[in-house]
């Protein structure tokens, strides 16, 4: 987080926002597979909704990875 010197407010840096996106994407993928272990859903393997969720989580991770190199600039 970055503190604005003029107002004293805090802002998220692009790096921190990228790390948040990567973390949320990984948690979504992990949660999708944990749902299988619990026995949720009627499919024996990875179902169609689960595939879409994993794809969207992967896109969130890619967006997060693209933000990380942008450094400490405010988001």
C-alpha atoms as a PDB file:
ATOM      1  CA  UNK A   1       0.000   0.000   0.000  1.00  0.00           C
ATOM      2  CA  UNK A   2       1.109   3.522  -0.750  1.00  0.00           C
ATOM      3  CA  UNK A   3       0.400   6.523   1.463  1.00  0.00           C
ATOM      4  CA  UNK A   4      -0.496   9.713  -0.383  1.00  0.00           C
ATOM      5  CA  UNK A   5       1.643  12.505   1.056  1.00  0.00           C
ATOM      6  CA  UNK A   6      -0.921  15.239   0.314  1.00  0.00           C
ATOM      7  CA  UNK A   7      -4.081  13.677   1.734  1.00  0.00           C
ATOM      8  CA  UNK A   8      -2.672  10.966   3.982  1.00  0.00           C
ATOM      9  CA  UNK A   9      -4.910   8.361   2.325  1.00  0.00           C
ATOM     10  CA  UNK A  10      -3.671   4.922   1.417  1.00  0.00           C
ATOM     11  CA  UNK A  11      -3.804   3.563  -2.130  1.00  0.00           C
ATOM     12  CA  UNK A  12      -3.100   0.118  -3.497  1.00  0.00           C
ATOM     13  CA  UNK A  13      -0.020  -0.262  -5.638  1.00  0.00           C
ATOM     14  CA  UNK A  14      -0.267  -2.186  -8.884  1.00  0.00           C
ATOM     15  CA  UNK A  15       2.076  -4.823  -7.477  1.00  0.00           C
ATOM     16  CA  UNK A  16      -0.104  -5.339  -4.395  1.00  0.00           C
ATOM     17  CA  UNK A  17      -3.274  -5.455  -6.512  1.00  0.00           C
ATOM     18  CA  UNK A  18      -1.599  -8.032  -8.764  1.00  0.00           C
ATOM     19  CA  UNK A  19      -0.698 -10.175  -5.763  1.00  0.00           C
ATOM     20  CA  UNK A  20      -4.300  -9.973  -4.561  1.00  0.00           C
ATOM     21  CA  UNK A  21      -5.575 -11.111  -7.979  1.00  0.00           C
ATOM     22  CA  UNK A  22      -3.117 -14.008  -8.132  1.00  0.00           C
ATOM     23  CA  UNK A  23      -4.059 -15.083  -4.605  1.00  0.00           C
ATOM     24  CA  UNK A  24      -7.794 -14.936  -5.345  1.00  0.00           C
ATOM     25  CA  UNK A  25      -7.344 -16.910  -8.562  1.00  0.00           C
ATOM     26  CA  UNK A  26      -5.345 -19.604  -6.803  1.00  0.00           C
ATOM     27  CA  UNK A  27      -7.925 -19.787  -4.004  1.00  0.00           C
ATOM     28  CA  UNK A  28     -10.707 -20.154  -6.574  1.00  0.00           C
ATOM     29  CA  UNK A  29      -8.911 -23.029  -8.294  1.00  0.00           C
ATOM     30  CA  UNK A  30      -8.161 -24.681  -4.962  1.00  0.00           C
ATOM     31  CA  UNK A  31     -11.782 -24.258  -3.883  1.00  0.00           C
ATOM     32  CA  UNK A  32     -12.967 -25.802  -7.124  1.00  0.00           C
ATOM     33  CA  UNK A  33     -10.910 -28.921  -6.512  1.00  0.00           C
ATOM     34  CA  UNK A  34     -11.857 -29.049  -2.833  1.00  0.00           C
ATOM     35  CA  UNK A  35     -15.472 -29.098  -3.971  1.00  0.00           C
ATOM     36  CA  UNK A  36     -14.720 -32.415  -5.696  1.00  0.00           C
ATOM     37  CA  UNK A  37     -13.221 -33.847  -2.526  1.00  0.00           C
ATOM     38  CA  UNK A  38     -16.303 -32.878  -0.546  1.00  0.00           C
ATOM     39  CA  UNK A  39     -18.477 -34.498  -3.179  1.00  0.00           C
ATOM     40  CA  UNK A  40     -20.321 -31.464  -4.503  1.00  0.00           C
ATOM     41  CA  UNK A  41     -21.912 -31.775  -7.927  1.00  0.00           C
ATOM     42  CA  UNK A  42     -23.063 -34.759  -9.894  1.00  0.00           C
ATOM     43  CA  UNK A  43     -20.050 -35.201 -12.170  1.00  0.00           C
ATOM     44  CA  UNK A  44     -17.379 -37.763 -11.333  1.00  0.00           C
ATOM     45  CA  UNK A  45     -14.541 -35.599 -12.657  1.00  0.00           C
ATOM     46  CA  UNK A  46     -14.222 -31.967 -13.570  1.00  0.00           C
ATOM     47  CA  UNK A  47     -17.650 -30.799 -14.712  1.00  0.00           C
ATOM     48  CA  UNK A  48     -18.433 -28.072 -17.246  1.00  0.00           C
ATOM     49  CA  UNK A  49     -19.144 -25.396 -14.640  1.00  0.00           C
ATOM     50  CA  UNK A  50     -15.934 -26.264 -12.840  1.00  0.00           C
ATOM     51  CA  UNK A  51     -13.989 -25.919 -16.104  1.00  0.00           C
ATOM     52  CA  UNK A  52     -15.422 -22.454 -16.661  1.00  0.00           C
ATOM     53  CA  UNK A  53     -14.570 -21.474 -13.074  1.00  0.00           C
ATOM     54  CA  UNK A  54     -10.993 -22.704 -13.503  1.00  0.00           C
ATOM     55  CA  UNK A  55     -10.691 -20.830 -16.814  1.00  0.00           C
ATOM     56  CA  UNK A  56     -11.943 -17.581 -15.266  1.00  0.00           C
ATOM     57  CA  UNK A  57      -9.636 -18.055 -12.266  1.00  0.00           C
ATOM     58  CA  UNK A  58      -6.748 -18.600 -14.686  1.00  0.00           C
ATOM     59  CA  UNK A  59      -7.588 -15.335 -16.443  1.00  0.00           C
ATOM     60  CA  UNK A  60      -7.664 -13.534 -13.084  1.00  0.00           C
ATOM     61  CA  UNK A  61      -4.218 -14.972 -12.339  1.00  0.00           C
ATOM     62  CA  UNK A  62      -2.908 -13.755 -15.709  1.00  0.00           C
ATOM     63  CA  UNK A  63      -4.239 -10.248 -15.056  1.00  0.00           C
ATOM     64  CA  UNK A  64      -2.590 -10.326 -11.639  1.00  0.00           C
ATOM     65  CA  UNK A  65       0.714 -11.490 -13.098  1.00  0.00           C
ATOM     66  CA  UNK A  66       0.607  -8.661 -15.629  1.00  0.00           C
ATOM     67  CA  UNK A  67       0.135  -6.094 -12.839  1.00  0.00           C
ATOM     68  CA  UNK A  68       3.009  -7.272 -10.635  1.00  0.00           C
ATOM     69  CA  UNK A  69       5.879  -5.934 -12.828  1.00  0.00           C
ATOM     70  CA  UNK A  70       4.291  -2.452 -12.938  1.00  0.00           C
ATOM     71  CA  UNK A  71       5.687  -1.770  -9.500  1.00  0.00           C
ATOM     72  CA  UNK A  72       4.663   0.676  -6.840  1.00  0.00           C
ATOM     73  CA  UNK A  73       2.602   3.034  -8.965  1.00  0.00           C
ATOM     74  CA  UNK A  74      -0.918   3.578  -7.617  1.00  0.00           C
ATOM     75  CA  UNK A  75      -3.567   1.377  -9.175  1.00  0.00           C
END
